[in-house]
Amino acid sequence: MTANYEIENIDCANCAKRLENAINDIPDVECRLSFAMGRMKITAPVESFDEAMKKVMKTIKKLEPQAVVSKIR
């Protein structure tokens, strides 16, 4: 399953890349984060997507606590 998100309040492109790398370290999760566009695409198995997103959000709050994430419909 793939979902797209807006992500705001990340300080710089290096911070975004560090965050993307940390999320990609989560097992069975693939992340593509565009600092310039303020977008993030998360792909994970459908049966464990909700649990994967909990881990993604925990990682975001740890590395970029000021970041605001909202799902794109």
PDB file of N, CA and C in Angstrom:
ATOM      1  N   MET A   1       0.853  -1.176   0.000  1.00  0.00           N
ATOM      2  CA  MET A   1       0.000   0.000   0.000  1.00  0.00           C
ATOM      3  C   MET A   1       0.894   1.233   0.000  1.00  0.00           C
ATOM      4  N   THR A   2       0.450   2.233  -0.717  1.00  0.00           N
ATOM      5  CA  THR A   2       1.193   3.493  -0.788  1.00  0.00           C
ATOM      6  C   THR A   2       0.264   4.638  -0.405  1.00  0.00           C
ATOM      7  N   ALA A   3       0.789   5.562   0.383  1.00  0.00           N
ATOM      8  CA  ALA A   3       0.036   6.751   0.769  1.00  0.00           C
ATOM      9  C   ALA A   3       0.942   7.966   0.640  1.00  0.00           C
ATOM     10  N   ASN A   4       0.346   9.089   0.301  1.00  0.00           N
ATOM     11  CA  ASN A   4       1.079  10.341   0.121  1.00  0.00           C
ATOM     12  C   ASN A   4       0.702  11.327   1.211  1.00  0.00           C
ATOM     13  N   TYR A   5       1.713  12.086   1.653  1.00  0.00           N
ATOM     14  CA  TYR A   5       1.541  13.020   2.756  1.00  0.00           C
ATOM     15  C   TYR A   5       2.203  14.346   2.436  1.00  0.00           C
ATOM     16  N   GLU A   6       1.658  15.415   2.983  1.00  0.00           N
ATOM     17  CA  GLU A   6       2.349  16.699   3.015  1.00  0.00           C
ATOM     18  C   GLU A   6       3.160  16.702   4.300  1.00  0.00           C
ATOM     19  N   ILE A   7       4.373  17.226   4.221  1.00  0.00           N
ATOM     20  CA  ILE A   7       5.202  17.349   5.421  1.00  0.00           C
ATOM     21  C   ILE A   7       5.782  18.756   5.444  1.00  0.00           C
ATOM     22  N   GLU A   8       5.551  19.456   6.542  1.00  0.00           N
ATOM     23  CA  GLU A   8       5.961  20.854   6.682  1.00  0.00           C
ATOM     24  C   GLU A   8       6.860  21.023   7.897  1.00  0.00           C
ATOM     25  N   ASN A   9       7.560  22.152   7.918  1.00  0.00           N
ATOM     26  CA  ASN A   9       8.405  22.566   9.047  1.00  0.00           C
ATOM     27  C   ASN A   9       9.668  21.728   9.208  1.00  0.00           C
ATOM     28  N   ILE A  10      10.203  21.233   8.108  1.00  0.00           N
ATOM     29  CA  ILE A  10      11.524  20.606   8.147  1.00  0.00           C
ATOM     30  C   ILE A  10      12.526  21.693   7.777  1.00  0.00           C
ATOM     31  N   ASP A  11      13.600  21.798   8.543  1.00  0.00           N
ATOM     32  CA  ASP A  11      14.513  22.929   8.429  1.00  0.00           C
ATOM     33  C   ASP A  11      15.275  23.026   7.112  1.00  0.00           C
ATOM     34  N   CYS A  12      15.755  21.902   6.579  1.00  0.00           N
ATOM     35  CA  CYS A  12      16.616  21.974   5.398  1.00  0.00           C
ATOM     36  C   CYS A  12      16.590  20.653   4.635  1.00  0.00           C
ATOM     37  N   ALA A  13      17.168  20.665   3.445  1.00  0.00           N
ATOM     38  CA  ALA A  13      17.208  19.458   2.618  1.00  0.00           C
ATOM     39  C   ALA A  13      18.007  18.346   3.281  1.00  0.00           C
ATOM     40  N   ASN A  14      19.067  18.694   3.998  1.00  0.00           N
ATOM     41  CA  ASN A  14      19.850  17.675   4.698  1.00  0.00           C
ATOM     42  C   ASN A  14      19.032  17.006   5.797  1.00  0.00           C
ATOM     43  N   CYS A  15      18.234  17.780   6.497  1.00  0.00           N
ATOM     44  CA  CYS A  15      17.356  17.222   7.526  1.00  0.00           C
ATOM     45  C   CYS A  15      16.338  16.272   6.900  1.00  0.00           C
ATOM     46  N   ALA A  16      15.799  16.662   5.750  1.00  0.00           N
ATOM     47  CA  ALA A  16      14.826  15.818   5.052  1.00  0.00           C
ATOM     48  C   ALA A  16      15.469  14.509   4.619  1.00  0.00           C
ATOM     49  N   LYS A  17      16.692  14.569   4.113  1.00  0.00           N
ATOM     50  CA  LYS A  17      17.387  13.354   3.670  1.00  0.00           C
ATOM     51  C   LYS A  17      17.687  12.445   4.861  1.00  0.00           C
ATOM     52  N   ARG A  18      18.103  13.032   5.971  1.00  0.00           N
ATOM     53  CA  ARG A  18      18.372  12.250   7.183  1.00  0.00           C
ATOM     54  C   ARG A  18      17.097  11.564   7.658  1.00  0.00           C
ATOM     55  N   LEU A  19      15.982  12.270   7.602  1.00  0.00           N
ATOM     56  CA  LEU A  19      14.695  11.706   7.990  1.00  0.00           C
ATOM     57  C   LEU A  19      14.282  10.592   7.036  1.00  0.00           C
ATOM     58  N   GLU A  20      14.425  10.819   5.743  1.00  0.00           N
ATOM     59  CA  GLU A  20      14.099   9.796   4.750  1.00  0.00           C
ATOM     60  C   GLU A  20      14.917   8.525   4.990  1.00  0.00           C
ATOM     61  N   ASN A  21      16.201   8.687   5.228  1.00  0.00           N
ATOM     62  CA  ASN A  21      17.066   7.527   5.489  1.00  0.00           C
ATOM     63  C   ASN A  21      16.636   6.769   6.740  1.00  0.00           C
ATOM     64  N   ALA A  22      16.278   7.505   7.794  1.00  0.00           N
ATOM     65  CA  ALA A  22      15.852   6.858   9.039  1.00  0.00           C
ATOM     66  C   ALA A  22      14.548   6.087   8.836  1.00  0.00           C
ATOM     67  N   ILE A  23      13.625   6.656   8.079  1.00  0.00           N
ATOM     68  CA  ILE A  23      12.358   5.959   7.814  1.00  0.00           C
ATOM     69  C   ILE A  23      12.609   4.721   6.959  1.00  0.00           C
ATOM     70  N   ASN A  24      13.505   4.828   5.997  1.00  0.00           N
ATOM     71  CA  ASN A  24      13.827   3.674   5.154  1.00  0.00           C
ATOM     72  C   ASN A  24      14.506   2.548   5.938  1.00  0.00           C
ATOM     73  N   ASP A  25      15.035   2.844   7.104  1.00  0.00           N
ATOM     74  CA  ASP A  25      15.620   1.809   7.969  1.00  0.00           C
ATOM     75  C   ASP A  25      14.554   0.981   8.690  1.00  0.00           C
ATOM     76  N   ILE A  26      13.312   1.441   8.682  1.00  0.00           N
ATOM     77  CA  ILE A  26      12.218   0.677   9.284  1.00  0.00           C
ATOM     78  C   ILE A  26      11.926  -0.515   8.375  1.00  0.00           C
ATOM     79  N   PRO A  27      11.907  -1.731   8.917  1.00  0.00           N
ATOM     80  CA  PRO A  27      11.661  -2.912   8.075  1.00  0.00           C
ATOM     81  C   PRO A  27      10.347  -2.819   7.289  1.00  0.00           C
ATOM     82  N   ASP A  28      10.399  -3.198   6.022  1.00  0.00           N
ATOM     83  CA  ASP A  28       9.244  -3.254   5.120  1.00  0.00           C
ATOM     84  C   ASP A  28       8.638  -1.896   4.796  1.00  0.00           C
ATOM     85  N   VAL A  29       9.376  -0.809   5.039  1.00  0.00           N
ATOM     86  CA  VAL A  29       8.873   0.532   4.743  1.00  0.00           C
ATOM     87  C   VAL A  29       9.797   1.195   3.724  1.00  0.00           C
ATOM     88  N   GLU A  30       9.179   1.791   2.697  1.00  0.00           N
ATOM     89  CA  GLU A  30       9.937   2.580   1.727  1.00  0.00           C
ATOM     90  C   GLU A  30       9.414   4.002   1.777  1.00  0.00           C
ATOM     91  N   CYS A  31      10.339   4.945   1.864  1.00  0.00           N
ATOM     92  CA  CYS A  31       9.981   6.357   1.955  1.00  0.00           C
ATOM     93  C   CYS A  31      10.686   7.139   0.856  1.00  0.00           C
ATOM     94  N   ARG A  32       9.931   8.040   0.212  1.00  0.00           N
ATOM     95  CA  ARG A  32      10.496   9.020  -0.710  1.00  0.00           C
ATOM     96  C   ARG A  32      10.027  10.364  -0.179  1.00  0.00           C
ATOM     97  N   LEU A  33      10.979  11.207   0.195  1.00  0.00           N
ATOM     98  CA  LEU A  33      10.649  12.499   0.786  1.00  0.00           C
ATOM     99  C   LEU A  33      11.240  13.600  -0.080  1.00  0.00           C
ATOM    100  N   SER A  34      10.417  14.536  -0.498  1.00  0.00           N
ATOM    101  CA  SER A  34      10.872  15.679  -1.277  1.00  0.00           C
ATOM    102  C   SER A  34      10.798  16.930  -0.413  1.00  0.00           C
ATOM    103  N   PHE A  35      11.953  17.453  -0.038  1.00  0.00           N
ATOM    104  CA  PHE A  35      11.998  18.679   0.743  1.00  0.00           C
ATOM    105  C   PHE A  35      11.414  19.840  -0.056  1.00  0.00           C
ATOM    106  N   ALA A  36      11.794  19.931  -1.331  1.00  0.00           N
ATOM    107  CA  ALA A  36      11.352  21.043  -2.171  1.00  0.00           C
ATOM    108  C   ALA A  36       9.835  21.068  -2.350  1.00  0.00           C
ATOM    109  N   MET A  37       9.245  19.905  -2.473  1.00  0.00           N
ATOM    110  CA  MET A  37       7.790  19.814  -2.682  1.00  0.00           C
ATOM    111  C   MET A  37       7.013  19.723  -1.375  1.00  0.00           C
ATOM    112  N   GLY A  38       7.696  19.387  -0.285  1.00  0.00           N
ATOM    113  CA  GLY A  38       7.006  19.203   0.989  1.00  0.00           C
ATOM    114  C   GLY A  38       6.101  17.989   0.965  1.00  0.00           C
ATOM    115  N   ARG A  39       6.566  16.940   0.269  1.00  0.00           N
ATOM    116  CA  ARG A  39       5.770  15.718   0.101  1.00  0.00           C
ATOM    117  C   ARG A  39       6.552  14.495   0.556  1.00  0.00           C
ATOM    118  N   MET A  40       5.813  13.505   1.019  1.00  0.00           N
ATOM    119  CA  MET A  40       6.408  12.248   1.451  1.00  0.00           C
ATOM    120  C   MET A  40       5.505  11.117   0.967  1.00  0.00           C
ATOM    121  N   LYS A  41       6.114  10.103   0.363  1.00  0.00           N
ATOM    122  CA  LYS A  41       5.382   8.916  -0.088  1.00  0.00           C
ATOM    123  C   LYS A  41       5.866   7.747   0.743  1.00  0.00           C
ATOM    124  N   ILE A  42       4.925   7.045   1.378  1.00  0.00           N
ATOM    125  CA  ILE A  42       5.242   5.881   2.202  1.00  0.00           C
ATOM    126  C   ILE A  42       4.621   4.649   1.563  1.00  0.00           C
ATOM    127  N   THR A  43       5.433   3.617   1.401  1.00  0.00           N
ATOM    128  CA  THR A  43       4.965   2.335   0.890  1.00  0.00           C
ATOM    129  C   THR A  43       5.304   1.262   1.916  1.00  0.00           C
ATOM    130  N   ALA A  44       4.303   0.442   2.245  1.00  0.00           N
ATOM    131  CA  ALA A  44       4.474  -0.657   3.200  1.00  0.00           C
ATOM    132  C   ALA A  44       3.409  -1.710   2.887  1.00  0.00           C
ATOM    133  N   PRO A  45       3.619  -2.947   3.346  1.00  0.00           N
ATOM    134  CA  PRO A  45       2.614  -3.988   3.100  1.00  0.00           C
ATOM    135  C   PRO A  45       1.251  -3.573   3.671  1.00  0.00           C
ATOM    136  N   VAL A  46       0.197  -3.848   2.925  1.00  0.00           N
ATOM    137  CA  VAL A  46      -1.143  -3.433   3.320  1.00  0.00           C
ATOM    138  C   VAL A  46      -1.538  -4.005   4.685  1.00  0.00           C
ATOM    139  N   GLU A  47      -1.133  -5.247   4.954  1.00  0.00           N
ATOM    140  CA  GLU A  47      -1.537  -5.884   6.213  1.00  0.00           C
ATOM    141  C   GLU A  47      -0.852  -5.286   7.442  1.00  0.00           C
ATOM    142  N   SER A  48       0.242  -4.555   7.237  1.00  0.00           N
ATOM    143  CA  SER A  48       0.933  -3.958   8.383  1.00  0.00           C
ATOM    144  C   SER A  48       1.127  -2.453   8.202  1.00  0.00           C
ATOM    145  N   PHE A  49       0.337  -1.850   7.319  1.00  0.00           N
ATOM    146  CA  PHE A  49       0.528  -0.435   7.015  1.00  0.00           C
ATOM    147  C   PHE A  49       0.305   0.462   8.230  1.00  0.00           C
ATOM    148  N   ASP A  50      -0.754   0.218   8.985  1.00  0.00           N
ATOM    149  CA  ASP A  50      -1.039   1.066  10.155  1.00  0.00           C
ATOM    150  C   ASP A  50       0.094   1.004  11.177  1.00  0.00           C
ATOM    151  N   GLU A  51       0.593  -0.188  11.428  1.00  0.00           N
ATOM    152  CA  GLU A  51       1.712  -0.345  12.375  1.00  0.00           C
ATOM    153  C   GLU A  51       2.968   0.337  11.823  1.00  0.00           C
ATOM    154  N   ALA A  52       3.195   0.207  10.529  1.00  0.00           N
ATOM    155  CA  ALA A  52       4.351   0.861   9.904  1.00  0.00           C
ATOM    156  C   ALA A  52       4.247   2.381  10.046  1.00  0.00           C
ATOM    157  N   MET A  53       3.055   2.922   9.849  1.00  0.00           N
ATOM    158  CA  MET A  53       2.873   4.372   9.967  1.00  0.00           C
ATOM    159  C   MET A  53       3.090   4.861  11.398  1.00  0.00           C
ATOM    160  N   LYS A  54       2.758   4.047  12.379  1.00  0.00           N
ATOM    161  CA  LYS A  54       3.051   4.414  13.766  1.00  0.00           C
ATOM    162  C   LYS A  54       4.559   4.565  13.954  1.00  0.00           C
ATOM    163  N   LYS A  55       5.311   3.650  13.369  1.00  0.00           N
ATOM    164  CA  LYS A  55       6.777   3.706  13.457  1.00  0.00           C
ATOM    165  C   LYS A  55       7.322   4.899  12.684  1.00  0.00           C
ATOM    166  N   VAL A  56       6.737   5.177  11.530  1.00  0.00           N
ATOM    167  CA  VAL A  56       7.155   6.336  10.737  1.00  0.00           C
ATOM    168  C   VAL A  56       6.926   7.617  11.532  1.00  0.00           C
ATOM    169  N   MET A  57       5.750   7.765  12.104  1.00  0.00           N
ATOM    170  CA  MET A  57       5.436   8.978  12.865  1.00  0.00           C
ATOM    171  C   MET A  57       6.326   9.119  14.095  1.00  0.00           C
ATOM    172  N   LYS A  58       6.643   8.020  14.739  1.00  0.00           N
ATOM    173  CA  LYS A  58       7.538   8.057  15.890  1.00  0.00           C
ATOM    174  C   LYS A  58       8.928   8.531  15.459  1.00  0.00           C
ATOM    175  N   THR A  59       9.386   8.062  14.317  1.00  0.00           N
ATOM    176  CA  THR A  59      10.687   8.468  13.794  1.00  0.00           C
ATOM    177  C   THR A  59      10.684   9.955  13.447  1.00  0.00           C
ATOM    178  N   ILE A  60       9.618  10.417  12.823  1.00  0.00           N
ATOM    179  CA  ILE A  60       9.516  11.836  12.474  1.00  0.00           C
ATOM    180  C   ILE A  60       9.556  12.697  13.732  1.00  0.00           C
ATOM    181  N   LYS A  61       8.770  12.331  14.726  1.00  0.00           N
ATOM    182  CA  LYS A  61       8.724  13.133  15.961  1.00  0.00           C
ATOM    183  C   LYS A  61      10.063  13.120  16.705  1.00  0.00           C
ATOM    184  N   LYS A  62      10.798  12.033  16.579  1.00  0.00           N
ATOM    185  CA  LYS A  62      12.109  11.949  17.232  1.00  0.00           C
ATOM    186  C   LYS A  62      13.130  12.851  16.531  1.00  0.00           C
ATOM    187  N   LEU A  63      13.164  12.812  15.205  1.00  0.00           N
ATOM    188  CA  LEU A  63      14.183  13.548  14.456  1.00  0.00           C
ATOM    189  C   LEU A  63      13.773  14.972  14.106  1.00  0.00           C
ATOM    190  N   GLU A  64      12.501  15.196  13.864  1.00  0.00           N
ATOM    191  CA  GLU A  64      11.983  16.515  13.479  1.00  0.00           C
ATOM    192  C   GLU A  64      10.700  16.802  14.259  1.00  0.00           C
ATOM    193  N   PRO A  65      10.811  17.077  15.552  1.00  0.00           N
ATOM    194  CA  PRO A  65       9.613  17.212  16.397  1.00  0.00           C
ATOM    195  C   PRO A  65       8.660  18.323  15.967  1.00  0.00           C
ATOM    196  N   GLN A  66       9.154  19.318  15.247  1.00  0.00           N
ATOM    197  CA  GLN A  66       8.299  20.421  14.800  1.00  0.00           C
ATOM    198  C   GLN A  66       7.570  20.117  13.500  1.00  0.00           C
ATOM    199  N   ALA A  67       7.887  18.988  12.856  1.00  0.00           N
ATOM    200  CA  ALA A  67       7.278  18.654  11.563  1.00  0.00           C
ATOM    201  C   ALA A  67       5.778  18.393  11.713  1.00  0.00           C
ATOM    202  N   VAL A  68       5.047  18.811  10.700  1.00  0.00           N
ATOM    203  CA  VAL A  68       3.606  18.596  10.634  1.00  0.00           C
ATOM    204  C   VAL A  68       3.328  17.717   9.415  1.00  0.00           C
ATOM    205  N   VAL A  69       2.672  16.587   9.646  1.00  0.00           N
ATOM    206  CA  VAL A  69       2.384  15.631   8.581  1.00  0.00           C
ATOM    207  C   VAL A  69       0.882  15.514   8.417  1.00  0.00           C
ATOM    208  N   SER A  70       0.426  15.606   7.169  1.00  0.00           N
ATOM    209  CA  SER A  70      -1.003  15.419   6.893  1.00  0.00           C
ATOM    210  C   SER A  70      -1.163  14.623   5.607  1.00  0.00           C
ATOM    211  N   LYS A  71      -2.105  13.683   5.641  1.00  0.00           N
ATOM    212  CA  LYS A  71      -2.340  12.810   4.505  1.00  0.00           C
ATOM    213  C   LYS A  71      -2.989  13.587   3.372  1.00  0.00           C
ATOM    214  N   ILE A  72      -2.539  13.287   2.161  1.00  0.00           N
ATOM    215  CA  ILE A  72      -3.132  13.886   0.967  1.00  0.00           C
ATOM    216  C   ILE A  72      -4.225  12.950   0.489  1.00  0.00           C
ATOM    217  N   ARG A  73      -5.390  13.461   0.291  1.00  0.00           N
ATOM    218  CA  ARG A  73      -6.523  12.633  -0.127  1.00  0.00           C
ATOM    219  C   ARG A  73      -6.604  12.548  -1.626  1.00  0.00           C
TER     220      ARG A  73
END
